[in-house]
Amino acid sequence: MSGFLLFALGFLCGVGLILATRRGRGRDLTGPPQTFSRPIAARPAVPVDIAIDDEGIRELIRQNRKIEAIKRLRDATGLGLKEAKDAVEALERTMMR
């Protein structure tokens, strides 16, 4: 009797495995996986006008102390790190011309 139970249990496990593997047959697994994310929109450029009136930021850029210039701009304007970094780099490019 125990032999029959082992056979039935093995049979049911085999059927379960076959059914589980057949569910994925409709998908093409040879290509790249599908992505459902939307493309990220480009951020608008930060205007350089916000740092023009602060000569201290310009002086820090001239002294090649960009991190301190970013900190000072963030404290003065409340910008985020990325926005302040972009503004300081844009101001640096305009000063190099």
Protein backbone atom coordinates (compact mmCIF):
# COMPACT_ATOMS: atom_id res chain seq x y z
CA MET A 1 0.00 0.00 0.00
CA SER A 2 2.82 2.43 0.79
CA GLY A 3 4.35 1.75 -2.63
CA PHE A 4 1.15 2.85 -4.30
CA LEU A 5 1.06 6.08 -2.25
CA LEU A 6 4.66 6.89 -3.21
CA PHE A 7 3.82 6.24 -6.87
CA ALA A 8 0.71 8.47 -6.71
CA LEU A 9 2.62 11.24 -4.95
CA GLY A 10 5.42 11.11 -7.52
CA PHE A 11 2.90 11.10 -10.34
CA LEU A 12 1.15 14.20 -8.97
CA CYS A 13 4.46 16.03 -8.54
CA GLY A 14 5.41 15.19 -12.12
CA VAL A 15 2.10 16.46 -13.47
CA GLY A 16 2.51 19.65 -11.43
CA LEU A 17 5.99 20.23 -12.86
CA ILE A 18 4.79 19.66 -16.42
CA LEU A 19 1.91 22.10 -15.98
CA ALA A 20 4.18 24.71 -14.42
CA THR A 21 6.66 24.54 -17.32
CA ARG A 22 3.94 24.69 -19.98
CA ARG A 23 2.63 28.03 -18.72
CA GLY A 24 5.73 29.83 -20.00
CA ARG A 25 5.63 28.38 -23.54
CA GLY A 26 3.93 31.44 -25.04
CA ARG A 27 6.87 33.69 -24.18
CA ASP A 28 9.99 34.01 -26.32
CA LEU A 29 12.88 33.44 -23.95
CA THR A 30 15.61 33.81 -26.58
CA GLY A 31 15.32 37.61 -26.96
CA PRO A 32 15.97 40.39 -24.47
CA PRO A 33 13.48 40.73 -21.62
CA GLN A 34 10.57 43.08 -22.05
CA THR A 35 10.77 46.39 -20.27
CA PHE A 36 7.72 48.34 -19.24
CA SER A 37 9.41 51.49 -17.97
CA ARG A 38 8.79 54.88 -19.48
CA PRO A 39 11.73 56.90 -20.79
CA ILE A 40 12.95 59.55 -18.39
CA ALA A 41 12.29 63.07 -19.56
CA ALA A 42 15.23 65.43 -19.78
CA ARG A 43 15.52 67.85 -16.90
CA PRO A 44 15.29 71.53 -17.71
CA ALA A 45 18.57 73.39 -17.52
CA VAL A 46 19.23 75.41 -14.39
CA PRO A 47 19.48 79.11 -15.17
CA VAL A 48 22.89 80.62 -14.50
CA ASP A 49 21.29 83.93 -13.43
CA ILE A 50 20.96 82.73 -9.84
CA ALA A 51 24.72 82.82 -9.23
CA ILE A 52 25.70 85.88 -11.27
CA ASP A 53 25.21 88.41 -8.48
CA ASP A 54 27.29 86.45 -5.91
CA GLU A 55 30.94 87.38 -6.46
CA GLY A 56 31.99 84.96 -3.71
CA ILE A 57 30.84 81.98 -5.78
CA ARG A 58 32.73 83.29 -8.79
CA GLU A 59 35.86 83.71 -6.68
CA LEU A 60 35.58 80.14 -5.36
CA ILE A 61 35.30 78.89 -8.95
CA ARG A 62 38.38 80.91 -9.94
CA GLN A 63 40.28 79.31 -7.05
CA ASN A 64 39.18 75.86 -8.28
CA ARG A 65 37.14 75.27 -5.11
CA LYS A 66 34.02 74.01 -6.86
CA ILE A 67 32.65 71.98 -3.93
CA GLU A 68 32.66 75.02 -1.67
CA ALA A 69 31.00 77.06 -4.42
CA ILE A 70 28.25 74.44 -4.68
CA LYS A 71 27.74 74.48 -0.91
CA ARG A 72 27.56 78.26 -0.85
CA LEU A 73 25.05 78.33 -3.72
CA ARG A 74 22.88 75.72 -2.00
CA ASP A 75 22.90 77.70 1.23
CA ALA A 76 22.02 80.92 -0.57
CA THR A 77 19.29 79.59 -2.84
CA GLY A 78 17.98 76.33 -1.34
CA LEU A 79 18.68 74.41 -4.55
CA GLY A 80 19.23 70.67 -4.53
CA LEU A 81 22.69 69.19 -4.93
CA LYS A 82 22.29 68.30 -8.63
CA GLU A 83 20.79 71.67 -9.53
CA ALA A 84 23.47 73.60 -7.66
CA LYS A 85 26.24 71.49 -9.23
CA ASP A 86 24.81 72.05 -12.71
CA ALA A 87 24.51 75.81 -12.07
CA VAL A 88 28.10 76.09 -10.80
CA GLU A 89 29.41 74.10 -13.76
CA ALA A 90 27.41 76.27 -16.18
CA LEU A 91 28.76 79.39 -14.52
CA GLU A 92 32.26 77.96 -14.71
CA ARG A 93 31.84 77.38 -18.47
CA THR A 94 30.66 80.95 -19.01
CA MET A 95 33.63 82.29 -17.04
CA MET A 96 36.11 80.31 -19.19
CA ARG A 97 35.01 82.03 -22.39
